[in-house]
Amino acid sequence: ETTQSYNITITASDGSLNSTQNFTIQVVDVNEVPTNITLSSTTIDENAAIGTLIADLSCNDPEGDNITYTVDDTTNFEISGSQLLSKVQFDYETTQSYNITITASDGSLNTSADFTITVNNVNEVPTNITLSSTTIDENAAIGTLIADLSCNDPEGDNITYTVDDTTNFEISGSQLLSKVQFDYETTQSYNITITASDGSLNSTQNFTIQVVDVNEVPTNITLSSTTIDE
């Protein structure tokens, strides 16, 4: 690949007389193994779509042969031409990196190289907002705890909760509290929407808070008359 031939002159001498002759030494091209497999990138964002391009593949082949690439982990990765693609949606919270071996072949000679593909952690929206309870007794004091709030946040971020009905409810930290004394005989249930935010991403969920009927003492005894004839 550098020099294909060399021109040389050889001299023969018997001690007193010499003769010379020119020769050309040809360098015979021999197929050489591909070397130096490289990837243009070794990272992929979690949740990226199946078939996302991870890296362009390249290697050195002195003869410039057509190179075929293969990857050992065919569960999570695939190769199309000279591109390494994802075969699954990666989840950083499950696995942060994958060790793979890529082989380059010119059809007769092969070379392999090991790589680590790193999964990038991407902020994900909080999900699955839950309440520990969805009922409250009527006449319960203002500020009564209705429910503890929770949700799933893959990154474990600090979650802020808000409620849309700020007339009847309030949130303190991760607790849903009453803001009024509820009366079953007036309203039996309230539809509310709770939002969970990690500071940049939000999710909302609808709930129905049931007011529990509580037996109440009889009140306001009245008489139709308070007089009687003698």
C-alpha atoms as a PDB file:
ATOM      1  CA  GLU A   1       0.000   0.000   0.000  1.00  0.00           C
ATOM      2  CA  THR A   2       3.073   2.292   0.333  1.00  0.00           C
ATOM      3  CA  THR A   3       5.436   1.063  -2.420  1.00  0.00           C
ATOM      4  CA  GLN A   4       4.659  -1.611  -4.964  1.00  0.00           C
ATOM      5  CA  SER A   5       8.183  -2.138  -6.408  1.00  0.00           C
ATOM      6  CA  TYR A   6      11.868  -1.350  -5.891  1.00  0.00           C
ATOM      7  CA  ASN A   7      14.500  -0.886  -8.591  1.00  0.00           C
ATOM      8  CA  ILE A   8      17.916  -2.236  -7.549  1.00  0.00           C
ATOM      9  CA  THR A   9      21.329  -2.804  -9.154  1.00  0.00           C
ATOM     10  CA  ILE A  10      23.388  -5.830  -8.228  1.00  0.00           C
ATOM     11  CA  THR A  11      27.111  -5.957  -8.848  1.00  0.00           C
ATOM     12  CA  ALA A  12      29.127  -9.197  -9.162  1.00  0.00           C
ATOM     13  CA  SER A  13      32.914  -9.000  -8.740  1.00  0.00           C
ATOM     14  CA  ASP A  14      35.698 -11.651  -9.090  1.00  0.00           C
ATOM     15  CA  GLY A  15      38.147  -9.355  -7.394  1.00  0.00           C
ATOM     16  CA  SER A  16      39.360  -7.614 -10.532  1.00  0.00           C
ATOM     17  CA  LEU A  17      36.452  -7.534 -12.894  1.00  0.00           C
ATOM     18  CA  ASN A  18      32.857  -6.442 -12.150  1.00  0.00           C
ATOM     19  CA  SER A  19      29.526  -6.701 -13.830  1.00  0.00           C
ATOM     20  CA  THR A  20      26.229  -5.063 -12.875  1.00  0.00           C
ATOM     21  CA  GLN A  21      22.642  -5.805 -13.628  1.00  0.00           C
ATOM     22  CA  ASN A  22      19.393  -4.011 -12.840  1.00  0.00           C
ATOM     23  CA  PHE A  23      16.392  -5.722 -11.262  1.00  0.00           C
ATOM     24  CA  THR A  24      12.900  -4.734 -10.131  1.00  0.00           C
ATOM     25  CA  ILE A  25      11.690  -6.318  -6.906  1.00  0.00           C
ATOM     26  CA  GLN A  26       7.901  -6.485  -6.857  1.00  0.00           C
ATOM     27  CA  VAL A  27       6.022  -6.306  -3.534  1.00  0.00           C
ATOM     28  CA  VAL A  28       3.133  -8.768  -3.688  1.00  0.00           C
ATOM     29  CA  ASP A  29      -0.143  -7.486  -2.253  1.00  0.00           C
ATOM     30  CA  VAL A  30      -1.324  -9.767   0.558  1.00  0.00           C
ATOM     31  CA  ASN A  31      -4.794  -9.488   2.110  1.00  0.00           C
ATOM     32  CA  GLU A  32      -4.467  -7.953   5.556  1.00  0.00           C
ATOM     33  CA  VAL A  33      -6.843  -8.088   8.487  1.00  0.00           C
ATOM     34  CA  PRO A  34      -9.046  -5.017   9.091  1.00  0.00           C
ATOM     35  CA  THR A  35      -7.894  -2.999  12.123  1.00  0.00           C
ATOM     36  CA  ASN A  36      -8.906  -0.147  14.431  1.00  0.00           C
ATOM     37  CA  ILE A  37     -12.686  -0.548  14.614  1.00  0.00           C
ATOM     38  CA  THR A  38     -14.148   2.755  15.790  1.00  0.00           C
ATOM     39  CA  LEU A  39     -17.613   4.006  16.795  1.00  0.00           C
ATOM     40  CA  SER A  40     -18.686   7.597  16.231  1.00  0.00           C
ATOM     41  CA  SER A  41     -20.528   7.487  19.588  1.00  0.00           C
ATOM     42  CA  THR A  42     -20.846   5.137  22.561  1.00  0.00           C
ATOM     43  CA  THR A  43     -23.948   6.607  24.244  1.00  0.00           C
ATOM     44  CA  ILE A  44     -27.730   6.481  23.794  1.00  0.00           C
ATOM     45  CA  ASP A  45     -30.504   8.274  25.686  1.00  0.00           C
ATOM     46  CA  GLU A  46     -32.856   6.090  27.699  1.00  0.00           C
ATOM     47  CA  ASN A  47     -36.337   5.691  26.180  1.00  0.00           C
ATOM     48  CA  ALA A  48     -35.032   6.443  22.660  1.00  0.00           C
ATOM     49  CA  ALA A  49     -37.136   4.701  20.026  1.00  0.00           C
ATOM     50  CA  ILE A  50     -36.238   1.225  18.828  1.00  0.00           C
ATOM     51  CA  GLY A  51     -34.027   1.565  15.772  1.00  0.00           C
ATOM     52  CA  THR A  52     -32.303   4.742  16.987  1.00  0.00           C
ATOM     53  CA  LEU A  53     -28.819   5.274  15.506  1.00  0.00           C
ATOM     54  CA  ILE A  54     -26.190   4.824  18.213  1.00  0.00           C
ATOM     55  CA  ALA A  55     -23.036   5.054  16.111  1.00  0.00           C
ATOM     56  CA  ASP A  56     -21.510   4.925  12.658  1.00  0.00           C
ATOM     57  CA  LEU A  57     -18.903   2.152  12.371  1.00  0.00           C
ATOM     58  CA  SER A  58     -15.551   2.358  10.609  1.00  0.00           C
ATOM     59  CA  CYS A  59     -12.234   0.504  10.474  1.00  0.00           C
ATOM     60  CA  ASN A  60      -8.950   0.453   8.602  1.00  0.00           C
ATOM     61  CA  ASP A  61      -8.652  -2.042   5.752  1.00  0.00           C
ATOM     62  CA  PRO A  62      -5.447  -1.638   3.682  1.00  0.00           C
ATOM     63  CA  GLU A  63      -6.988  -3.174   0.593  1.00  0.00           C
ATOM     64  CA  GLY A  64     -10.181  -1.092   0.847  1.00  0.00           C
ATOM     65  CA  ASP A  65     -12.320  -4.225   0.852  1.00  0.00           C
ATOM     66  CA  ASN A  66     -16.049  -4.101   1.565  1.00  0.00           C
ATOM     67  CA  ILE A  67     -16.378  -4.594   5.316  1.00  0.00           C
ATOM     68  CA  THR A  68     -19.201  -6.453   7.036  1.00  0.00           C
ATOM     69  CA  TYR A  69     -19.860  -5.681  10.716  1.00  0.00           C
ATOM     70  CA  THR A  70     -21.548  -7.898  13.310  1.00  0.00           C
ATOM     71  CA  VAL A  71     -22.353  -7.421  17.019  1.00  0.00           C
ATOM     72  CA  ASP A  72     -22.446 -10.191  19.605  1.00  0.00           C
ATOM     73  CA  ASP A  73     -25.415  -8.797  21.601  1.00  0.00           C
ATOM     74  CA  THR A  74     -28.251  -9.258  19.128  1.00  0.00           C
ATOM     75  CA  THR A  75     -30.895  -8.911  21.831  1.00  0.00           C
ATOM     76  CA  ASN A  76     -30.288  -5.217  22.465  1.00  0.00           C
ATOM     77  CA  PHE A  77     -28.405  -4.108  19.352  1.00  0.00           C
ATOM     78  CA  GLU A  78     -28.400  -4.605  15.603  1.00  0.00           C
ATOM     79  CA  ILE A  79     -26.183  -3.521  12.747  1.00  0.00           C
ATOM     80  CA  SER A  80     -27.455  -2.180   9.453  1.00  0.00           C
ATOM     81  CA  GLY A  81     -24.637  -1.691   6.977  1.00  0.00           C
ATOM     82  CA  SER A  82     -22.102   0.314   8.960  1.00  0.00           C
ATOM     83  CA  GLN A  83     -24.517   1.622  11.596  1.00  0.00           C
ATOM     84  CA  LEU A  84     -25.095   0.352  15.137  1.00  0.00           C
ATOM     85  CA  LEU A  85     -28.799   0.649  16.054  1.00  0.00           C
ATOM     86  CA  SER A  86     -30.862   0.070  19.178  1.00  0.00           C
ATOM     87  CA  LYS A  87     -33.114  -2.980  19.228  1.00  0.00           C
ATOM     88  CA  VAL A  88     -34.907  -2.127  22.494  1.00  0.00           C
ATOM     89  CA  GLN A  89     -35.860   0.952  24.488  1.00  0.00           C
ATOM     90  CA  PHE A  90     -33.151   1.284  27.112  1.00  0.00           C
ATOM     91  CA  ASP A  91     -33.961   2.210  30.714  1.00  0.00           C
ATOM     92  CA  TYR A  92     -31.222   3.908  32.732  1.00  0.00           C
ATOM     93  CA  GLU A  93     -32.874   2.929  36.010  1.00  0.00           C
ATOM     94  CA  THR A  94     -32.580  -0.749  34.997  1.00  0.00           C
ATOM     95  CA  THR A  95     -29.191  -0.895  33.234  1.00  0.00           C
ATOM     96  CA  GLN A  96     -26.707   1.944  32.852  1.00  0.00           C
ATOM     97  CA  SER A  97     -24.313   0.353  30.330  1.00  0.00           C
ATOM     98  CA  TYR A  98     -23.831  -2.618  28.004  1.00  0.00           C
ATOM     99  CA  ASN A  99     -20.596  -4.353  27.023  1.00  0.00           C
ATOM    100  CA  ILE A 100     -20.561  -5.445  23.391  1.00  0.00           C
ATOM    101  CA  THR A 101     -18.092  -6.920  20.909  1.00  0.00           C
ATOM    102  CA  ILE A 102     -18.108  -5.783  17.293  1.00  0.00           C
ATOM    103  CA  THR A 103     -16.446  -7.817  14.555  1.00  0.00           C
ATOM    104  CA  ALA A 104     -15.293  -6.440  11.201  1.00  0.00           C
ATOM    105  CA  SER A 105     -14.760  -8.874   8.317  1.00  0.00           C
ATOM    106  CA  ASP A 106     -13.409  -8.358   4.812  1.00  0.00           C
ATOM    107  CA  GLY A 107     -14.827 -11.724   3.780  1.00  0.00           C
ATOM    108  CA  SER A 108     -11.849 -13.809   4.761  1.00  0.00           C
ATOM    109  CA  LEU A 109     -10.141 -12.056   7.665  1.00  0.00           C
ATOM    110  CA  ASN A 110     -11.793 -10.785  10.836  1.00  0.00           C
ATOM    111  CA  THR A 111     -10.955  -8.487  13.706  1.00  0.00           C
ATOM    112  CA  SER A 112     -12.948  -7.776  16.882  1.00  0.00           C
ATOM    113  CA  ALA A 113     -13.049  -4.950  19.409  1.00  0.00           C
ATOM    114  CA  ASP A 114     -14.878  -4.484  22.717  1.00  0.00           C
ATOM    115  CA  PHE A 115     -16.953  -1.409  23.498  1.00  0.00           C
ATOM    116  CA  THR A 116     -19.148  -0.139  26.335  1.00  0.00           C
ATOM    117  CA  ILE A 117     -22.407   1.535  25.329  1.00  0.00           C
ATOM    118  CA  THR A 118     -23.562   3.939  28.043  1.00  0.00           C
ATOM    119  CA  VAL A 119     -27.249   4.722  28.584  1.00  0.00           C
ATOM    120  CA  ASN A 120     -27.830   8.416  29.332  1.00  0.00           C
ATOM    121  CA  ASN A 121     -30.191   9.245  32.178  1.00  0.00           C
ATOM    122  CA  VAL A 122     -33.076  11.390  30.904  1.00  0.00           C
ATOM    123  CA  ASN A 123     -35.495  13.176  33.229  1.00  0.00           C
ATOM    124  CA  GLU A 124     -38.853  11.382  33.103  1.00  0.00           C
ATOM    125  CA  VAL A 125     -42.298  12.598  34.047  1.00  0.00           C
ATOM    126  CA  PRO A 126     -43.668  11.500  37.454  1.00  0.00           C
ATOM    127  CA  THR A 127     -46.369   8.861  37.048  1.00  0.00           C
ATOM    128  CA  ASN A 128     -48.987   6.908  38.979  1.00  0.00           C
ATOM    129  CA  ILE A 129     -50.150   9.501  41.496  1.00  0.00           C
ATOM    130  CA  THR A 130     -51.875   7.679  44.343  1.00  0.00           C
ATOM    131  CA  LEU A 131     -53.858   8.672  47.425  1.00  0.00           C
ATOM    132  CA  SER A 132     -53.818   6.590  50.593  1.00  0.00           C
ATOM    133  CA  SER A 133     -57.536   7.352  51.022  1.00  0.00           C
ATOM    134  CA  THR A 134     -60.324   8.991  49.054  1.00  0.00           C
ATOM    135  CA  THR A 135     -62.878   9.526  51.853  1.00  0.00           C
ATOM    136  CA  ILE A 136     -63.469  11.992  54.668  1.00  0.00           C
ATOM    137  CA  ASP A 137     -66.128  12.008  57.356  1.00  0.00           C
ATOM    138  CA  GLU A 138     -68.581  14.839  57.210  1.00  0.00           C
ATOM    139  CA  ASN A 139     -68.112  17.473  59.937  1.00  0.00           C
ATOM    140  CA  ALA A 140     -64.415  16.597  60.329  1.00  0.00           C
ATOM    141  CA  ALA A 141     -62.425  19.580  61.491  1.00  0.00           C
ATOM    142  CA  ILE A 142     -60.786  21.920  58.961  1.00  0.00           C
ATOM    143  CA  GLY A 143     -57.243  20.718  58.312  1.00  0.00           C
ATOM    144  CA  THR A 144     -58.129  17.026  58.707  1.00  0.00           C
ATOM    145  CA  LEU A 145     -55.787  14.668  56.847  1.00  0.00           C
ATOM    146  CA  ILE A 146     -57.627  13.072  53.939  1.00  0.00           C
ATOM    147  CA  ALA A 147     -54.770  11.225  52.258  1.00  0.00           C
ATOM    148  CA  ASP A 148     -51.031  10.837  51.913  1.00  0.00           C
ATOM    149  CA  LEU A 149     -49.852  11.456  48.330  1.00  0.00           C
ATOM    150  CA  SER A 150     -47.259   9.480  46.412  1.00  0.00           C
ATOM    151  CA  CYS A 151     -46.124   8.910  42.847  1.00  0.00           C
ATOM    152  CA  ASN A 152     -43.421   7.165  40.833  1.00  0.00           C
ATOM    153  CA  ASP A 153     -40.470   9.298  39.786  1.00  0.00           C
ATOM    154  CA  PRO A 154     -37.654   7.269  38.195  1.00  0.00           C
ATOM    155  CA  GLU A 155     -34.995   9.810  39.150  1.00  0.00           C
ATOM    156  CA  GLY A 156     -36.222  10.128  42.738  1.00  0.00           C
ATOM    157  CA  ASP A 157     -36.634  13.897  42.407  1.00  0.00           C
ATOM    158  CA  ASN A 158     -38.353  15.974  45.048  1.00  0.00           C
ATOM    159  CA  ILE A 159     -42.027  16.082  44.046  1.00  0.00           C
ATOM    160  CA  THR A 160     -44.349  19.048  44.556  1.00  0.00           C
ATOM    161  CA  TYR A 161     -48.088  18.379  44.598  1.00  0.00           C
ATOM    162  CA  THR A 162     -50.908  20.825  43.842  1.00  0.00           C
ATOM    163  CA  VAL A 163     -54.705  20.461  43.811  1.00  0.00           C
ATOM    164  CA  ASP A 164     -57.047  22.362  41.515  1.00  0.00           C
ATOM    165  CA  ASP A 165     -59.871  22.835  44.056  1.00  0.00           C
ATOM    166  CA  THR A 166     -58.253  25.212  46.517  1.00  0.00           C
ATOM    167  CA  THR A 167     -61.605  26.191  48.001  1.00  0.00           C
ATOM    168  CA  ASN A 168     -62.284  22.860  49.676  1.00  0.00           C
ATOM    169  CA  PHE A 169     -58.832  21.248  49.770  1.00  0.00           C
ATOM    170  CA  GLU A 170     -55.207  22.131  50.391  1.00  0.00           C
ATOM    171  CA  ILE A 171     -51.921  20.288  50.138  1.00  0.00           C
ATOM    172  CA  SER A 172     -49.180  20.444  52.723  1.00  0.00           C
ATOM    173  CA  GLY A 173     -46.044  18.674  51.547  1.00  0.00           C
ATOM    174  CA  SER A 174     -47.382  15.288  50.439  1.00  0.00           C
ATOM    175  CA  GLN A 175     -50.648  15.415  52.384  1.00  0.00           C
ATOM    176  CA  LEU A 176     -54.125  16.288  51.151  1.00  0.00           C
ATOM    177  CA  LEU A 177     -56.040  18.195  53.835  1.00  0.00           C
ATOM    178  CA  SER A 178     -59.585  19.507  54.207  1.00  0.00           C
ATOM    179  CA  LYS A 179     -60.094  23.248  53.989  1.00  0.00           C
ATOM    180  CA  VAL A 180     -63.764  23.234  55.012  1.00  0.00           C
ATOM    181  CA  GLN A 181     -66.113  21.122  57.119  1.00  0.00           C
ATOM    182  CA  PHE A 182     -67.869  18.880  54.640  1.00  0.00           C
ATOM    183  CA  ASP A 183     -71.593  18.146  54.906  1.00  0.00           C
ATOM    184  CA  TYR A 184     -72.838  14.886  53.415  1.00  0.00           C
ATOM    185  CA  GLU A 185     -76.384  16.181  53.215  1.00  0.00           C
ATOM    186  CA  THR A 186     -75.179  19.053  51.007  1.00  0.00           C
ATOM    187  CA  THR A 187     -72.518  17.399  48.807  1.00  0.00           C
ATOM    188  CA  GLN A 188     -71.627  13.703  48.793  1.00  0.00           C
ATOM    189  CA  SER A 189     -68.472  13.862  46.644  1.00  0.00           C
ATOM    190  CA  TYR A 190     -65.915  16.193  45.087  1.00  0.00           C
ATOM    191  CA  ASN A 191     -63.989  15.710  41.842  1.00  0.00           C
ATOM    192  CA  ILE A 192     -60.442  17.016  42.084  1.00  0.00           C
ATOM    193  CA  THR A 193     -57.303  17.005  39.933  1.00  0.00           C
ATOM    194  CA  ILE A 194     -53.902  16.583  41.558  1.00  0.00           C
ATOM    195  CA  THR A 195     -50.686  17.555  39.778  1.00  0.00           C
ATOM    196  CA  ALA A 196     -47.253  16.113  40.585  1.00  0.00           C
ATOM    197  CA  SER A 197     -44.203  18.083  39.423  1.00  0.00           C
ATOM    198  CA  ASP A 198     -40.481  17.285  39.603  1.00  0.00           C
ATOM    199  CA  GLY A 199     -39.669  20.914  38.843  1.00  0.00           C
ATOM    200  CA  SER A 200     -39.641  20.577  35.078  1.00  0.00           C
ATOM    201  CA  LEU A 201     -42.090  17.809  34.161  1.00  0.00           C
ATOM    202  CA  ASN A 202     -45.682  17.446  35.385  1.00  0.00           C
ATOM    203  CA  SER A 203     -48.374  14.786  35.435  1.00  0.00           C
ATOM    204  CA  THR A 204     -51.994  15.072  36.547  1.00  0.00           C
ATOM    205  CA  GLN A 205     -54.582  12.604  37.754  1.00  0.00           C
ATOM    206  CA  ASN A 206     -58.264  12.892  38.601  1.00  0.00           C
ATOM    207  CA  PHE A 207     -59.761  11.636  41.861  1.00  0.00           C
ATOM    208  CA  THR A 208     -63.160  11.605  43.551  1.00  0.00           C
ATOM    209  CA  ILE A 209     -63.219  12.373  47.264  1.00  0.00           C
ATOM    210  CA  GLN A 210     -66.259  10.812  48.964  1.00  0.00           C
ATOM    211  CA  VAL A 211     -67.869  12.484  51.977  1.00  0.00           C
ATOM    212  CA  VAL A 212     -68.892   9.793  54.492  1.00  0.00           C
ATOM    213  CA  ASP A 213     -72.319  10.160  56.069  1.00  0.00           C
ATOM    214  CA  VAL A 214     -71.976  10.288  59.846  1.00  0.00           C
ATOM    215  CA  ASN A 215     -74.933   9.851  62.209  1.00  0.00           C
ATOM    216  CA  GLU A 216     -75.638  13.250  63.695  1.00  0.00           C
ATOM    217  CA  VAL A 217     -77.432  14.227  66.865  1.00  0.00           C
ATOM    218  CA  PRO A 218     -81.052  15.393  66.447  1.00  0.00           C
ATOM    219  CA  THR A 219     -81.251  19.178  66.675  1.00  0.00           C
ATOM    220  CA  ASN A 220     -83.732  22.030  66.700  1.00  0.00           C
ATOM    221  CA  ILE A 221     -86.652  20.442  68.563  1.00  0.00           C
ATOM    222  CA  THR A 222     -89.731  22.496  67.744  1.00  0.00           C
ATOM    223  CA  LEU A 223     -93.340  22.573  68.939  1.00  0.00           C
ATOM    224  CA  SER A 224     -96.177  23.603  66.727  1.00  0.00           C
ATOM    225  CA  SER A 225     -97.679  25.389  69.701  1.00  0.00           C
ATOM    226  CA  THR A 226     -96.687  26.281  73.194  1.00  0.00           C
ATOM    227  CA  THR A 227    -100.173  27.041  74.596  1.00  0.00           C
ATOM    228  CA  ILE A 228    -103.153  25.028  75.886  1.00  0.00           C
ATOM    229  CA  ASP A 229    -106.640  26.201  76.903  1.00  0.00           C
ATOM    230  CA  GLU A 230    -107.628  25.846  80.591  1.00  0.00           C
END
